[in-house]
Amino acid sequence: MSPAMDTLRTVLPVLLMLFLGAFCRRKAIISREGIQALKTAAVQIALPAVLLHTFAVTQCKLEFHRSIFRDR
C-alpha cells in the first residue's frame, strides 16, 4: 500500500471520531456529565489497555553498536 493510503487509514478514524463528538455535543446528544464519563473511561480503561496490548505485541530486538563499545 502507498504511504498516502497508510496515513489516511491512520488519520481518518481519528478525524471521524472528532467530528462525531462535535456533532453529538452540538446537538446535545451527549451531556457534559457524559463527556466527563467518556474522558474517564478513555484515560482509566482504554489507554492502559492499548498500552498493554502494544507492549504485548511489540517485538524487541537488542542490538549493540560497535562504535559505542570500542576501546578508546
N, C-alpha and C. Protein backbone atom coordinates (compact mmCIF):
# COMPACT_ATOMS: atom_id res chain seq x y z
N MET A 1 0.82 -1.17 0.00
CA MET A 1 0.00 0.00 0.00
C MET A 1 0.88 1.26 0.00
N SER A 2 0.37 2.32 -0.55
CA SER A 2 1.15 3.55 -0.64
C SER A 2 1.19 4.25 0.72
N PRO A 3 2.22 5.07 0.93
CA PRO A 3 2.30 5.81 2.20
C PRO A 3 1.09 6.73 2.43
N ALA A 4 0.55 7.30 1.34
CA ALA A 4 -0.62 8.17 1.48
C ALA A 4 -1.82 7.39 2.00
N MET A 5 -2.01 6.19 1.49
CA MET A 5 -3.13 5.36 1.96
C MET A 5 -2.93 4.92 3.40
N ASP A 6 -1.69 4.59 3.77
CA ASP A 6 -1.41 4.22 5.15
C ASP A 6 -1.73 5.38 6.09
N THR A 7 -1.33 6.57 5.70
CA THR A 7 -1.61 7.76 6.51
C THR A 7 -3.11 7.99 6.62
N LEU A 8 -3.81 7.86 5.51
CA LEU A 8 -5.26 8.06 5.51
C LEU A 8 -5.95 7.03 6.40
N ARG A 9 -5.51 5.78 6.35
CA ARG A 9 -6.10 4.73 7.19
C ARG A 9 -5.85 4.99 8.67
N THR A 10 -4.79 5.71 9.00
CA THR A 10 -4.49 6.02 10.38
C THR A 10 -5.24 7.26 10.86
N VAL A 11 -5.29 8.28 10.03
CA VAL A 11 -5.84 9.57 10.44
C VAL A 11 -7.36 9.62 10.31
N LEU A 12 -7.93 8.98 9.32
CA LEU A 12 -9.36 9.07 9.06
C LEU A 12 -10.23 8.65 10.25
N PRO A 13 -9.98 7.54 10.93
CA PRO A 13 -10.82 7.19 12.08
C PRO A 13 -10.75 8.23 13.20
N VAL A 14 -9.59 8.81 13.41
CA VAL A 14 -9.45 9.84 14.45
C VAL A 14 -10.28 11.06 14.09
N LEU A 15 -10.18 11.50 12.85
CA LEU A 15 -10.96 12.65 12.41
C LEU A 15 -12.46 12.37 12.48
N LEU A 16 -12.87 11.18 12.09
CA LEU A 16 -14.28 10.83 12.17
C LEU A 16 -14.79 10.86 13.61
N MET A 17 -14.00 10.37 14.53
CA MET A 17 -14.40 10.40 15.94
C MET A 17 -14.48 11.82 16.47
N LEU A 18 -13.56 12.69 16.06
CA LEU A 18 -13.62 14.09 16.47
C LEU A 18 -14.89 14.77 15.95
N PHE A 19 -15.18 14.56 14.68
CA PHE A 19 -16.38 15.17 14.10
C PHE A 19 -17.65 14.58 14.72
N LEU A 20 -17.65 13.29 15.00
CA LEU A 20 -18.81 12.67 15.63
C LEU A 20 -19.04 13.25 17.03
N GLY A 21 -17.96 13.43 17.78
CA GLY A 21 -18.08 14.02 19.12
C GLY A 21 -18.58 15.45 19.07
N ALA A 22 -18.06 16.23 18.13
CA ALA A 22 -18.51 17.62 17.98
C ALA A 22 -19.98 17.66 17.59
N PHE A 23 -20.38 16.79 16.69
CA PHE A 23 -21.77 16.73 16.26
C PHE A 23 -22.70 16.37 17.42
N CYS A 24 -22.31 15.35 18.18
CA CYS A 24 -23.13 14.92 19.32
C CYS A 24 -23.23 16.01 20.38
N ARG A 25 -22.17 16.72 20.61
CA ARG A 25 -22.19 17.79 21.60
C ARG A 25 -23.05 18.96 21.10
N ARG A 26 -22.93 19.30 19.84
CA ARG A 26 -23.69 20.42 19.27
C ARG A 26 -25.19 20.13 19.28
N LYS A 27 -25.56 18.89 19.03
CA LYS A 27 -26.98 18.51 19.01
C LYS A 27 -27.48 18.12 20.40
N ALA A 28 -26.64 18.26 21.41
CA ALA A 28 -26.97 17.95 22.80
C ALA A 28 -27.34 16.48 22.99
N ILE A 29 -26.73 15.62 22.22
CA ILE A 29 -26.95 14.18 22.38
C ILE A 29 -26.17 13.68 23.60
N ILE A 30 -25.02 14.29 23.83
CA ILE A 30 -24.18 13.93 24.97
C ILE A 30 -24.10 15.13 25.91
N SER A 31 -24.39 14.91 27.19
CA SER A 31 -24.33 16.00 28.18
C SER A 31 -22.88 16.19 28.64
N ARG A 32 -22.68 17.23 29.41
CA ARG A 32 -21.33 17.47 29.96
C ARG A 32 -20.91 16.33 30.88
N GLU A 33 -21.85 15.78 31.62
CA GLU A 33 -21.53 14.65 32.51
C GLU A 33 -21.15 13.42 31.67
N GLY A 34 -21.82 13.25 30.54
CA GLY A 34 -21.49 12.15 29.65
C GLY A 34 -20.10 12.28 29.07
N ILE A 35 -19.73 13.50 28.73
CA ILE A 35 -18.39 13.76 28.21
C ILE A 35 -17.36 13.43 29.28
N GLN A 36 -17.62 13.85 30.51
CA GLN A 36 -16.68 13.56 31.61
C GLN A 36 -16.55 12.05 31.82
N ALA A 37 -17.65 11.32 31.74
CA ALA A 37 -17.60 9.87 31.90
C ALA A 37 -16.80 9.22 30.77
N LEU A 38 -16.97 9.71 29.55
CA LEU A 38 -16.20 9.17 28.43
C LEU A 38 -14.72 9.47 28.58
N LYS A 39 -14.39 10.68 29.06
CA LYS A 39 -12.97 11.02 29.30
C LYS A 39 -12.36 10.09 30.34
N THR A 40 -13.11 9.86 31.42
CA THR A 40 -12.62 8.98 32.48
C THR A 40 -12.41 7.56 31.95
N ALA A 41 -13.36 7.06 31.18
CA ALA A 41 -13.22 5.72 30.62
C ALA A 41 -12.03 5.63 29.67
N ALA A 42 -11.82 6.68 28.89
CA ALA A 42 -10.71 6.67 27.95
C ALA A 42 -9.37 6.64 28.68
N VAL A 43 -9.25 7.47 29.72
CA VAL A 43 -7.97 7.57 30.42
C VAL A 43 -7.72 6.38 31.35
N GLN A 44 -8.75 5.91 32.03
CA GLN A 44 -8.54 4.86 33.03
C GLN A 44 -8.71 3.45 32.49
N ILE A 45 -9.36 3.28 31.35
CA ILE A 45 -9.60 1.94 30.83
C ILE A 45 -8.94 1.74 29.46
N ALA A 46 -9.29 2.59 28.51
CA ALA A 46 -8.84 2.39 27.13
C ALA A 46 -7.34 2.61 26.97
N LEU A 47 -6.82 3.69 27.52
CA LEU A 47 -5.39 3.98 27.36
C LEU A 47 -4.50 2.89 27.96
N PRO A 48 -4.75 2.46 29.20
CA PRO A 48 -3.93 1.35 29.72
C PRO A 48 -4.08 0.07 28.90
N ALA A 49 -5.27 -0.20 28.40
CA ALA A 49 -5.47 -1.40 27.59
C ALA A 49 -4.67 -1.33 26.29
N VAL A 50 -4.68 -0.18 25.65
CA VAL A 50 -3.92 -0.01 24.41
C VAL A 50 -2.43 -0.12 24.68
N LEU A 51 -1.96 0.49 25.76
CA LEU A 51 -0.54 0.39 26.10
C LEU A 51 -0.13 -1.05 26.39
N LEU A 52 -0.93 -1.75 27.17
CA LEU A 52 -0.64 -3.14 27.48
C LEU A 52 -0.61 -3.99 26.22
N HIS A 53 -1.57 -3.80 25.35
CA HIS A 53 -1.60 -4.54 24.09
C HIS A 53 -0.37 -4.23 23.23
N THR A 54 0.00 -2.96 23.16
CA THR A 54 1.17 -2.57 22.37
C THR A 54 2.44 -3.21 22.92
N PHE A 55 2.61 -3.19 24.22
CA PHE A 55 3.79 -3.82 24.82
C PHE A 55 3.78 -5.33 24.59
N ALA A 56 2.60 -5.93 24.58
CA ALA A 56 2.50 -7.38 24.43
C ALA A 56 2.85 -7.83 23.02
N VAL A 57 2.52 -7.04 22.02
CA VAL A 57 2.74 -7.48 20.64
C VAL A 57 4.01 -6.93 20.01
N THR A 58 4.69 -6.02 20.70
CA THR A 58 5.91 -5.43 20.16
C THR A 58 7.06 -6.42 20.28
N GLN A 59 7.77 -6.58 19.21
CA GLN A 59 8.94 -7.44 19.22
C GLN A 59 10.18 -6.58 19.44
N CYS A 60 10.94 -6.94 20.43
CA CYS A 60 12.15 -6.18 20.74
C CYS A 60 13.35 -6.90 20.16
N LYS A 61 14.26 -6.13 19.65
CA LYS A 61 15.50 -6.68 19.13
C LYS A 61 16.63 -5.90 19.78
N LEU A 62 17.41 -6.61 20.55
CA LEU A 62 18.53 -5.99 21.23
C LEU A 62 19.71 -5.97 20.28
N GLU A 63 20.20 -4.79 20.03
CA GLU A 63 21.28 -4.64 19.07
C GLU A 63 22.31 -3.68 19.65
N PHE A 64 23.55 -4.10 19.62
CA PHE A 64 24.62 -3.26 20.11
C PHE A 64 25.37 -2.68 18.94
N HIS A 65 25.73 -1.44 19.07
CA HIS A 65 26.52 -0.80 18.03
C HIS A 65 27.98 -0.82 18.47
N ARG A 66 28.82 -1.33 17.62
CA ARG A 66 30.24 -1.46 17.95
C ARG A 66 30.88 -0.11 18.26
N SER A 67 30.42 0.95 17.66
CA SER A 67 31.03 2.25 17.89
C SER A 67 30.87 2.71 19.33
N ILE A 68 29.87 2.24 20.01
CA ILE A 68 29.66 2.65 21.39
C ILE A 68 30.65 1.92 22.32
N PHE A 69 30.96 0.65 22.00
CA PHE A 69 31.74 -0.19 22.89
C PHE A 69 33.20 -0.36 22.47
N ARG A 70 33.67 0.35 21.49
CA ARG A 70 35.05 0.16 21.06
C ARG A 70 36.01 0.75 22.08
N ASP A 71 37.19 0.21 22.11
CA ASP A 71 38.23 0.68 23.04
C ASP A 71 38.71 2.05 22.61
N ARG A 72 38.99 2.86 23.59
CA ARG A 72 39.49 4.22 23.28
C ARG A 72 40.89 4.38 23.74
